[in-house]
Amino acid sequence: MRVLVVIPSYNEERALPAVLEELRQAARALPHQIEALVVDDGSRDGTAAVARAHGARVISLCSNLGIGGAVQTGLRVAYAEGFDCAAQVDGDGQHICADLGAMLERLAAHPPPDLLVGSRFLRGDGFQSTPLRRAGKVWLSGVLRLFCGLTVSDPTSGFRLFGPRALALFHSAFPFDFPEPEVLATARACGLSIAEVPVTMRERQSGRSSIRGLLTAYYLLKVTAAIILDLLRARRQVRALETSWTRSSAATGSSLSSASASPPPSSASSRGST
C-alpha cells in the first residue's frame, strides 16, 4: 500500500526533526511504502529547510492558508499521484507515529472505513487535552451526534487516515480555518463510513495553539454553524443527484441500483478550496 503522510506545518522547525525521525522509524516496521510530505504553510522560520534536511518532500505555500489549505494541498498530491491513502499527522509532535500502524491495519479491514480518526480518549492514556478543550470536544461530539447521527469521541483530532473515497471527495475542496469537525459532517452527509482508532497523544512539542482563551467559545459557535450549513448543502446536493439518477434510469430503463458507481456528492459541499 502506498501511503502519503501529510504533515501540515507552520513555524515548526523545532518539532519537525523528531516528528520525521519518529515517522521514519515507524515506517521501517510497516509493510507499506510510506512517503512523508511536509506542507510548509507560509512559515516564517526554517520549517522547509529543516524538513528537507531530514529527507522529507516539501511543498512551500506562498502564504499562510491555514490548516485546511495545508491539508488539502497534501490530499491533492496523494490523489493526483495515485496513493492508496493519505495520513494527516500534525507537525507539532502531538501525534505518535507508531500508532499509524494500527490505523493502516484498520483500513485493511473488510469493508474498509473511508475515513479513520485517531482518538486519544478511547485508550485513555497520554495527554488528554485541557479541561476547557475537553468541554469543547464534548460539545462538538454532541453537535455531530444530533445533526449527523455520528458518534465520535475525538472530533477535533488531527490524526487521520483518508481512504480512496475520502481522497476522491476531499482533494478538490476542503473546509478551511478549523476543518476537523466539518470534515466529519461532510463525510457523513456524503455517505462515507467513519471509524475511530485508539491512539496516544502528547502535548504539542513547540509553539502554541491558535485556539485559546475566549477564542475557544468563538471557535465552537463558528464550527457549529458551519457544520449545520455544510449538512444543508450536502443534503440538497444528494437529493439533486438522486433525482438526476432517477430520471436517467427512467429514460434508459435501468434501475438506480444498477447505475455505474458515481463519485461522492460534489466537493462543493465543503466550503474551502485551494
C-alpha atoms as a PDB file:
ATOM      1  CA  MET A   1       0.000   0.000   0.000  1.00  0.00           C
ATOM      2  CA  ARG A   2       1.328   3.430  -0.937  1.00  0.00           C
ATOM      3  CA  VAL A   3       0.740   5.901   1.883  1.00  0.00           C
ATOM      4  CA  LEU A   4       1.386   9.638   1.762  1.00  0.00           C
ATOM      5  CA  VAL A   5       1.825  11.102   5.227  1.00  0.00           C
ATOM      6  CA  VAL A   6       0.799  14.753   5.016  1.00  0.00           C
ATOM      7  CA  ILE A   7       2.396  16.899   7.728  1.00  0.00           C
ATOM      8  CA  PRO A   8       0.894  20.426   7.751  1.00  0.00           C
ATOM      9  CA  SER A   9       3.425  22.696   9.433  1.00  0.00           C
ATOM     10  CA  TYR A  10       3.563  26.342  10.402  1.00  0.00           C
ATOM     11  CA  ASN A  11       6.727  27.526  12.164  1.00  0.00           C
ATOM     12  CA  GLU A  12       7.576  24.007  13.340  1.00  0.00           C
ATOM     13  CA  GLU A  13      11.345  23.949  12.787  1.00  0.00           C
ATOM     14  CA  ARG A  14      11.938  22.816  16.369  1.00  0.00           C
ATOM     15  CA  ALA A  15       9.398  19.973  16.445  1.00  0.00           C
ATOM     16  CA  LEU A  16       9.795  18.607  12.900  1.00  0.00           C
ATOM     17  CA  PRO A  17      13.097  16.742  13.281  1.00  0.00           C
ATOM     18  CA  ALA A  18      11.663  14.484  15.988  1.00  0.00           C
ATOM     19  CA  VAL A  19       8.394  14.015  14.058  1.00  0.00           C
ATOM     20  CA  LEU A  20      10.203  12.955  10.880  1.00  0.00           C
ATOM     21  CA  GLU A  21      12.590  10.648  12.722  1.00  0.00           C
ATOM     22  CA  GLU A  22       9.701   9.018  14.548  1.00  0.00           C
ATOM     23  CA  LEU A  23       7.841   8.562  11.265  1.00  0.00           C
ATOM     24  CA  ARG A  24      10.941   7.039   9.675  1.00  0.00           C
ATOM     25  CA  GLN A  25      11.213   4.508  12.483  1.00  0.00           C
ATOM     26  CA  ALA A  26       7.519   3.658  12.300  1.00  0.00           C
ATOM     27  CA  ALA A  27       7.736   3.195   8.511  1.00  0.00           C
ATOM     28  CA  ARG A  28      10.536   0.642   8.880  1.00  0.00           C
ATOM     29  CA  ALA A  29       8.218  -1.575  10.913  1.00  0.00           C
ATOM     30  CA  LEU A  30       5.329  -1.416   8.438  1.00  0.00           C
ATOM     31  CA  PRO A  31       4.834  -3.455   5.237  1.00  0.00           C
ATOM     32  CA  HIS A  32       3.858  -0.361   3.270  1.00  0.00           C
ATOM     33  CA  GLN A  33       5.524   2.237   1.078  1.00  0.00           C
ATOM     34  CA  ILE A  34       5.345   5.377   3.183  1.00  0.00           C
ATOM     35  CA  GLU A  35       6.363   8.833   1.995  1.00  0.00           C
ATOM     36  CA  ALA A  36       6.442  11.988   4.107  1.00  0.00           C
ATOM     37  CA  LEU A  37       5.185  15.264   2.652  1.00  0.00           C
ATOM     38  CA  VAL A  38       5.688  18.390   4.748  1.00  0.00           C
ATOM     39  CA  VAL A  39       3.374  21.204   3.679  1.00  0.00           C
ATOM     40  CA  ASP A  40       5.043  24.400   4.839  1.00  0.00           C
ATOM     41  CA  ASP A  41       2.104  26.739   5.399  1.00  0.00           C
ATOM     42  CA  GLY A  42       3.893  30.047   4.842  1.00  0.00           C
ATOM     43  CA  SER A  43       6.235  29.617   7.816  1.00  0.00           C
ATOM     44  CA  ARG A  44       8.479  32.475   8.854  1.00  0.00           C
ATOM     45  CA  ASP A  45      11.142  30.197  10.309  1.00  0.00           C
ATOM     46  CA  GLY A  46      13.241  27.399   8.828  1.00  0.00           C
ATOM     47  CA  THR A  47      10.468  24.781   8.637  1.00  0.00           C
ATOM     48  CA  ALA A  48      11.030  23.963   4.948  1.00  0.00           C
ATOM     49  CA  ALA A  49      14.824  23.795   5.237  1.00  0.00           C
ATOM     50  CA  VAL A  50      14.657  21.567   8.310  1.00  0.00           C
ATOM     51  CA  ALA A  51      12.176  19.221   6.619  1.00  0.00           C
ATOM     52  CA  ARG A  52      14.379  18.880   3.519  1.00  0.00           C
ATOM     53  CA  ALA A  53      17.456  18.318   5.665  1.00  0.00           C
ATOM     54  CA  HIS A  54      15.670  15.366   7.276  1.00  0.00           C
ATOM     55  CA  GLY A  55      14.745  13.785   3.958  1.00  0.00           C
ATOM     56  CA  ALA A  56      11.120  14.842   3.617  1.00  0.00           C
ATOM     57  CA  ARG A  57       9.457  16.018   0.464  1.00  0.00           C
ATOM     58  CA  VAL A  58       8.358  19.634   0.919  1.00  0.00           C
ATOM     59  CA  ILE A  59       5.731  21.897  -0.606  1.00  0.00           C
ATOM     60  CA  SER A  60       6.035  25.519   0.497  1.00  0.00           C
ATOM     61  CA  LEU A  61       2.850  27.563   0.225  1.00  0.00           C
ATOM     62  CA  CYS A  62       3.293  31.181  -0.797  1.00  0.00           C
ATOM     63  CA  SER A  63       1.256  32.410   2.178  1.00  0.00           C
ATOM     64  CA  ASN A  64      -0.361  31.084   5.323  1.00  0.00           C
ATOM     65  CA  LEU A  65      -3.554  29.337   4.171  1.00  0.00           C
ATOM     66  CA  GLY A  66      -4.361  27.728   7.500  1.00  0.00           C
ATOM     67  CA  ILE A  67      -4.652  24.070   8.416  1.00  0.00           C
ATOM     68  CA  GLY A  68      -7.402  23.366   5.871  1.00  0.00           C
ATOM     69  CA  GLY A  69      -5.438  24.701   2.913  1.00  0.00           C
ATOM     70  CA  ALA A  70      -2.286  22.873   4.007  1.00  0.00           C
ATOM     71  CA  VAL A  71      -4.049  19.525   4.426  1.00  0.00           C
ATOM     72  CA  GLN A  72      -5.905  19.879   1.146  1.00  0.00           C
ATOM     73  CA  THR A  73      -2.619  20.551  -0.637  1.00  0.00           C
ATOM     74  CA  GLY A  74      -1.341  17.212   0.603  1.00  0.00           C
ATOM     75  CA  LEU A  75      -4.556  15.392  -0.294  1.00  0.00           C
ATOM     76  CA  ARG A  76      -4.393  16.786  -3.820  1.00  0.00           C
ATOM     77  CA  VAL A  77      -0.874  15.402  -4.192  1.00  0.00           C
ATOM     78  CA  ALA A  78      -1.976  11.994  -2.869  1.00  0.00           C
ATOM     79  CA  TYR A  79      -4.946  11.851  -5.235  1.00  0.00           C
ATOM     80  CA  ALA A  80      -3.073  13.087  -8.303  1.00  0.00           C
ATOM     81  CA  GLU A  81      -0.165  10.698  -7.782  1.00  0.00           C
ATOM     82  CA  GLY A  82      -2.284   7.615  -7.144  1.00  0.00           C
ATOM     83  CA  PHE A  83      -1.507   6.948  -3.493  1.00  0.00           C
ATOM     84  CA  ASP A  84      -3.782   4.360  -1.896  1.00  0.00           C
ATOM     85  CA  CYS A  85      -4.432   6.577   1.109  1.00  0.00           C
ATOM     86  CA  ALA A  86      -3.175   9.665   2.890  1.00  0.00           C
ATOM     87  CA  ALA A  87      -2.490  10.156   6.577  1.00  0.00           C
ATOM     88  CA  GLN A  88      -2.628  13.513   8.329  1.00  0.00           C
ATOM     89  CA  VAL A  89      -0.051  13.942  11.091  1.00  0.00           C
ATOM     90  CA  ASP A  90       0.485  17.276  12.826  1.00  0.00           C
ATOM     91  CA  GLY A  91       3.916  18.857  12.631  1.00  0.00           C
ATOM     92  CA  ASP A  92       3.954  19.923  16.298  1.00  0.00           C
ATOM     93  CA  GLY A  93       4.790  16.491  17.686  1.00  0.00           C
ATOM     94  CA  GLN A  94       1.417  15.712  19.293  1.00  0.00           C
ATOM     95  CA  HIS A  95       0.863  12.515  17.349  1.00  0.00           C
ATOM     96  CA  ILE A  96       2.839   9.325  17.935  1.00  0.00           C
ATOM     97  CA  CYS A  97       3.656   7.938  14.514  1.00  0.00           C
ATOM     98  CA  ALA A  98       3.823   4.341  15.749  1.00  0.00           C
ATOM     99  CA  ASP A  99       0.017   4.458  16.018  1.00  0.00           C
ATOM    100  CA  LEU A 100      -0.141   4.802  12.243  1.00  0.00           C
ATOM    101  CA  GLY A 101       0.288   1.033  12.012  1.00  0.00           C
ATOM    102  CA  ALA A 102      -2.990   0.371  13.844  1.00  0.00           C
ATOM    103  CA  MET A 103      -4.791   2.851  11.608  1.00  0.00           C
ATOM    104  CA  LEU A 104      -3.461   1.220   8.434  1.00  0.00           C
ATOM    105  CA  GLU A 105      -4.409  -2.204   9.786  1.00  0.00           C
ATOM    106  CA  ARG A 106      -7.967  -0.954  10.367  1.00  0.00           C
ATOM    107  CA  LEU A 107      -8.076   0.457   6.835  1.00  0.00           C
ATOM    108  CA  ALA A 108      -7.243  -3.028   5.519  1.00  0.00           C
ATOM    109  CA  ALA A 109     -10.345  -4.496   7.189  1.00  0.00           C
ATOM    110  CA  HIS A 110     -13.345  -5.592   5.124  1.00  0.00           C
ATOM    111  CA  PRO A 111     -15.244  -3.476   4.479  1.00  0.00           C
ATOM    112  CA  PRO A 112     -12.675  -0.727   4.995  1.00  0.00           C
ATOM    113  CA  PRO A 113     -13.774   2.588   6.506  1.00  0.00           C
ATOM    114  CA  ASP A 114     -13.392   5.615   4.261  1.00  0.00           C
ATOM    115  CA  LEU A 115     -12.093   7.915   6.979  1.00  0.00           C
ATOM    116  CA  LEU A 116     -10.253   6.962  10.152  1.00  0.00           C
ATOM    117  CA  VAL A 117      -9.821   9.234  13.165  1.00  0.00           C
ATOM    118  CA  GLY A 118      -7.212   8.642  15.843  1.00  0.00           C
ATOM    119  CA  SER A 119      -8.911   9.200  19.210  1.00  0.00           C
ATOM    120  CA  ARG A 120      -6.950   9.973  22.380  1.00  0.00           C
ATOM    121  CA  PHE A 121      -9.997   9.199  24.519  1.00  0.00           C
ATOM    122  CA  LEU A 122     -10.596   5.556  23.547  1.00  0.00           C
ATOM    123  CA  ARG A 123      -7.354   4.376  25.142  1.00  0.00           C
ATOM    124  CA  GLY A 124      -7.420   6.964  27.912  1.00  0.00           C
ATOM    125  CA  ASP A 125      -3.666   7.411  28.299  1.00  0.00           C
ATOM    126  CA  GLY A 126      -1.283  10.141  27.259  1.00  0.00           C
ATOM    127  CA  PHE A 127      -2.203  13.818  27.057  1.00  0.00           C
ATOM    128  CA  GLN A 128      -5.973  14.241  27.303  1.00  0.00           C
ATOM    129  CA  SER A 129      -6.070  17.976  26.485  1.00  0.00           C
ATOM    130  CA  THR A 130      -7.074  20.794  28.836  1.00  0.00           C
ATOM    131  CA  PRO A 131     -10.416  20.871  30.705  1.00  0.00           C
ATOM    132  CA  LEU A 132     -11.688  23.713  28.517  1.00  0.00           C
ATOM    133  CA  ARG A 133     -10.792  21.877  25.335  1.00  0.00           C
ATOM    134  CA  ARG A 134     -12.312  18.641  26.601  1.00  0.00           C
ATOM    135  CA  ALA A 135     -15.562  20.512  27.263  1.00  0.00           C
ATOM    136  CA  GLY A 136     -15.430  21.846  23.700  1.00  0.00           C
ATOM    137  CA  LYS A 137     -14.925  18.344  22.330  1.00  0.00           C
ATOM    138  CA  VAL A 138     -17.959  17.122  24.267  1.00  0.00           C
ATOM    139  CA  TRP A 139     -19.996  19.956  22.732  1.00  0.00           C
ATOM    140  CA  LEU A 140     -18.845  19.176  19.182  1.00  0.00           C
ATOM    141  CA  SER A 141     -19.423  15.453  19.683  1.00  0.00           C
ATOM    142  CA  GLY A 142     -22.983  16.307  20.720  1.00  0.00           C
ATOM    143  CA  VAL A 143     -23.483  18.519  17.663  1.00  0.00           C
ATOM    144  CA  LEU A 144     -22.274  15.769  15.325  1.00  0.00           C
ATOM    145  CA  ARG A 145     -24.464  13.192  17.054  1.00  0.00           C
ATOM    146  CA  LEU A 146     -27.541  15.435  16.948  1.00  0.00           C
ATOM    147  CA  PHE A 147     -27.273  16.704  13.389  1.00  0.00           C
ATOM    148  CA  CYS A 148     -25.373  13.865  11.678  1.00  0.00           C
ATOM    149  CA  GLY A 149     -26.195  10.782  13.718  1.00  0.00           C
ATOM    150  CA  LEU A 150     -22.438  10.324  14.075  1.00  0.00           C
ATOM    151  CA  THR A 151     -20.825   9.188  17.321  1.00  0.00           C
ATOM    152  CA  VAL A 152     -17.175  10.181  17.702  1.00  0.00           C
ATOM    153  CA  SER A 153     -15.170  10.681  20.870  1.00  0.00           C
ATOM    154  CA  ASP A 154     -12.458  12.985  19.482  1.00  0.00           C
ATOM    155  CA  PRO A 155     -13.969  15.232  16.782  1.00  0.00           C
ATOM    156  CA  THR A 156     -11.061  17.684  16.711  1.00  0.00           C
ATOM    157  CA  SER A 157      -8.305  15.093  16.348  1.00  0.00           C
ATOM    158  CA  GLY A 158      -5.932  15.950  13.525  1.00  0.00           C
ATOM    159  CA  PHE A 159      -4.534  12.393  13.360  1.00  0.00           C
ATOM    160  CA  ARG A 160      -6.464  10.950  10.419  1.00  0.00           C
ATOM    161  CA  LEU A 161      -6.312   8.494   7.563  1.00  0.00           C
ATOM    162  CA  PHE A 162      -8.126   9.193   4.297  1.00  0.00           C
ATOM    163  CA  GLY A 163      -9.035   6.152   2.239  1.00  0.00           C
ATOM    164  CA  PRO A 164      -9.650   6.202  -1.539  1.00  0.00           C
ATOM    165  CA  ARG A 165     -13.224   7.520  -1.357  1.00  0.00           C
ATOM    166  CA  ALA A 166     -12.296  10.197   1.172  1.00  0.00           C
ATOM    167  CA  LEU A 167      -9.429  11.280  -1.086  1.00  0.00           C
ATOM    168  CA  ALA A 168     -11.836  11.454  -4.030  1.00  0.00           C
ATOM    169  CA  LEU A 169     -14.176  13.680  -2.021  1.00  0.00           C
ATOM    170  CA  PHE A 170     -11.748  15.993  -0.241  1.00  0.00           C
ATOM    171  CA  HIS A 171      -8.898  16.501  -2.696  1.00  0.00           C
ATOM    172  CA  SER A 172     -10.833  19.121  -4.659  1.00  0.00           C
ATOM    173  CA  ALA A 173     -12.391  21.035  -1.754  1.00  0.00           C
ATOM    174  CA  PHE A 174     -11.774  21.026   1.952  1.00  0.00           C
ATOM    175  CA  PRO A 175     -13.088  23.061   4.877  1.00  0.00           C
ATOM    176  CA  PHE A 176     -10.681  25.796   5.872  1.00  0.00           C
ATOM    177  CA  ASP A 177      -9.923  27.508   9.188  1.00  0.00           C
ATOM    178  CA  PHE A 178     -10.739  24.726  11.748  1.00  0.00           C
ATOM    179  CA  PRO A 179     -11.750  21.859   9.490  1.00  0.00           C
ATOM    180  CA  GLU A 180     -11.671  18.687  11.570  1.00  0.00           C
ATOM    181  CA  PRO A 181     -15.324  18.564  12.773  1.00  0.00           C
ATOM    182  CA  GLU A 182     -16.607  19.861   9.426  1.00  0.00           C
ATOM    183  CA  VAL A 183     -14.796  17.106   7.553  1.00  0.00           C
ATOM    184  CA  LEU A 184     -16.642  14.547   9.674  1.00  0.00           C
ATOM    185  CA  ALA A 185     -20.015  16.178   8.995  1.00  0.00           C
ATOM    186  CA  THR A 186     -19.409  16.406   5.255  1.00  0.00           C
ATOM    187  CA  ALA A 187     -18.104  12.849   5.018  1.00  0.00           C
ATOM    188  CA  ARG A 188     -21.133  11.552   6.885  1.00  0.00           C
ATOM    189  CA  ALA A 189     -23.583  13.518   4.731  1.00  0.00           C
ATOM    190  CA  CYS A 190     -21.914  12.211   1.577  1.00  0.00           C
ATOM    191  CA  GLY A 191     -22.240   8.597   2.631  1.00  0.00           C
ATOM    192  CA  LEU A 192     -18.661   7.869   3.680  1.00  0.00           C
ATOM    193  CA  SER A 193     -18.014   5.462   6.526  1.00  0.00           C
ATOM    194  CA  ILE A 194     -16.080   6.793   9.535  1.00  0.00           C
ATOM    195  CA  ALA A 195     -14.301   4.867  12.278  1.00  0.00           C
ATOM    196  CA  GLU A 196     -12.107   5.714  15.255  1.00  0.00           C
ATOM    197  CA  VAL A 197      -8.895   4.018  16.329  1.00  0.00           C
ATOM    198  CA  PRO A 198      -7.391   4.435  19.822  1.00  0.00           C
ATOM    199  CA  VAL A 199      -4.132   6.404  19.816  1.00  0.00           C
ATOM    200  CA  THR A 200      -1.904   8.119  22.344  1.00  0.00           C
ATOM    201  CA  MET A 201      -1.111  11.816  22.087  1.00  0.00           C
ATOM    202  CA  ARG A 202       1.419  14.150  23.657  1.00  0.00           C
ATOM    203  CA  GLU A 203       1.321  17.826  24.403  1.00  0.00           C
ATOM    204  CA  ARG A 204       2.494  19.871  21.441  1.00  0.00           C
ATOM    205  CA  GLN A 205       6.286  19.934  21.444  1.00  0.00           C
ATOM    206  CA  SER A 206       6.682  23.539  20.292  1.00  0.00           C
ATOM    207  CA  GLY A 207       4.652  26.681  19.566  1.00  0.00           C
ATOM    208  CA  ARG A 208       1.164  27.297  20.853  1.00  0.00           C
ATOM    209  CA  SER A 209      -2.349  26.631  19.672  1.00  0.00           C
ATOM    210  CA  SER A 210      -4.287  29.290  17.777  1.00  0.00           C
ATOM    211  CA  ILE A 211      -7.402  28.334  19.770  1.00  0.00           C
ATOM    212  CA  ARG A 212      -7.121  29.503  23.367  1.00  0.00           C
ATOM    213  CA  GLY A 213      -8.962  31.560  25.961  1.00  0.00           C
ATOM    214  CA  LEU A 214     -12.087  33.327  24.712  1.00  0.00           C
ATOM    215  CA  LEU A 215     -11.312  32.173  21.161  1.00  0.00           C
ATOM    216  CA  THR A 216     -12.499  28.714  22.231  1.00  0.00           C
ATOM    217  CA  ALA A 217     -16.115  29.899  22.557  1.00  0.00           C
ATOM    218  CA  TYR A 218     -15.912  31.680  19.205  1.00  0.00           C
ATOM    219  CA  TYR A 219     -14.484  28.556  17.628  1.00  0.00           C
ATOM    220  CA  LEU A 220     -17.293  26.355  18.978  1.00  0.00           C
ATOM    221  CA  LEU A 221     -20.021  28.688  17.716  1.00  0.00           C
ATOM    222  CA  LYS A 222     -18.386  29.096  14.331  1.00  0.00           C
ATOM    223  CA  VAL A 223     -17.837  25.378  13.808  1.00  0.00           C
ATOM    224  CA  THR A 224     -21.363  24.531  14.971  1.00  0.00           C
ATOM    225  CA  ALA A 225     -22.854  26.921  12.416  1.00  0.00           C
ATOM    226  CA  ALA A 226     -20.517  25.639   9.707  1.00  0.00           C
ATOM    227  CA  ILE A 227     -21.492  22.006  10.385  1.00  0.00           C
ATOM    228  CA  ILE A 228     -25.190  22.821  10.009  1.00  0.00           C
ATOM    229  CA  LEU A 229     -24.606  24.765   6.776  1.00  0.00           C
ATOM    230  CA  ASP A 230     -22.391  22.015   5.371  1.00  0.00           C
ATOM    231  CA  LEU A 231     -25.083  19.433   6.066  1.00  0.00           C
ATOM    232  CA  LEU A 232     -27.776  21.502   4.380  1.00  0.00           C
ATOM    233  CA  ARG A 233     -25.618  21.963   1.291  1.00  0.00           C
ATOM    234  CA  ALA A 234     -24.620  18.317   1.149  1.00  0.00           C
ATOM    235  CA  ARG A 235     -28.165  17.033   1.585  1.00  0.00           C
ATOM    236  CA  ARG A 236     -29.506  19.322  -1.147  1.00  0.00           C
ATOM    237  CA  GLN A 237     -26.776  18.051  -3.400  1.00  0.00           C
ATOM    238  CA  VAL A 238     -27.523  14.403  -2.620  1.00  0.00           C
ATOM    239  CA  ARG A 239     -31.230  14.945  -3.367  1.00  0.00           C
ATOM    240  CA  ALA A 240     -30.365  16.622  -6.670  1.00  0.00           C
ATOM    241  CA  LEU A 241     -28.120  13.725  -7.657  1.00  0.00           C
ATOM    242  CA  GLU A 242     -30.757  11.149  -6.692  1.00  0.00           C
ATOM    243  CA  THR A 243     -33.356  12.994  -8.791  1.00  0.00           C
ATOM    244  CA  SER A 244     -30.960  13.097 -11.723  1.00  0.00           C
ATOM    245  CA  TRP A 245     -30.200   9.377 -11.391  1.00  0.00           C
ATOM    246  CA  THR A 246     -33.903   8.505 -11.160  1.00  0.00           C
ATOM    247  CA  ARG A 247     -34.730  10.455 -14.321  1.00  0.00           C
ATOM    248  CA  SER A 248     -31.786   8.932 -16.128  1.00  0.00           C
ATOM    249  CA  SER A 249     -32.822   5.435 -15.048  1.00  0.00           C
ATOM    250  CA  ALA A 250     -36.412   6.015 -16.200  1.00  0.00           C
ATOM    251  CA  ALA A 251     -35.199   7.220 -19.581  1.00  0.00           C
ATOM    252  CA  THR A 252     -32.835   4.290 -20.103  1.00  0.00           C
ATOM    253  CA  GLY A 253     -34.958   1.613 -18.454  1.00  0.00           C
ATOM    254  CA  SER A 254     -32.233   0.769 -15.950  1.00  0.00           C
ATOM    255  CA  SER A 255     -32.575   0.797 -12.172  1.00  0.00           C
ATOM    256  CA  LEU A 256     -30.853   3.248  -9.898  1.00  0.00           C
ATOM    257  CA  SER A 257     -29.042   0.447  -8.116  1.00  0.00           C
ATOM    258  CA  SER A 258     -27.553  -0.796 -11.374  1.00  0.00           C
ATOM    259  CA  ALA A 259     -26.200   2.587 -12.366  1.00  0.00           C
ATOM    260  CA  SER A 260     -22.461   2.886 -12.629  1.00  0.00           C
ATOM    261  CA  ALA A 261     -20.632   3.858  -9.484  1.00  0.00           C
ATOM    262  CA  SER A 262     -20.791   7.603  -9.085  1.00  0.00           C
ATOM    263  CA  PRO A 263     -18.362   9.849  -7.276  1.00  0.00           C
ATOM    264  CA  PRO A 264     -19.363  11.164  -3.869  1.00  0.00           C
ATOM    265  CA  PRO A 265     -21.571  14.257  -3.920  1.00  0.00           C
ATOM    266  CA  SER A 266     -19.650  17.144  -5.404  1.00  0.00           C
ATOM    267  CA  SER A 267     -16.927  18.655  -3.320  1.00  0.00           C
ATOM    268  CA  ALA A 268     -18.930  21.889  -3.303  1.00  0.00           C
ATOM    269  CA  SER A 269     -20.341  20.518  -0.060  1.00  0.00           C
ATOM    270  CA  SER A 270     -17.135  21.742   1.557  1.00  0.00           C
ATOM    271  CA  ARG A 271     -16.518  25.451   1.858  1.00  0.00           C
ATOM    272  CA  GLY A 272     -12.871  25.992   1.108  1.00  0.00           C
ATOM    273  CA  SER A 273     -10.679  25.247  -1.870  1.00  0.00           C
ATOM    274  CA  THR A 274      -7.080  25.995  -2.611  1.00  0.00           C
END
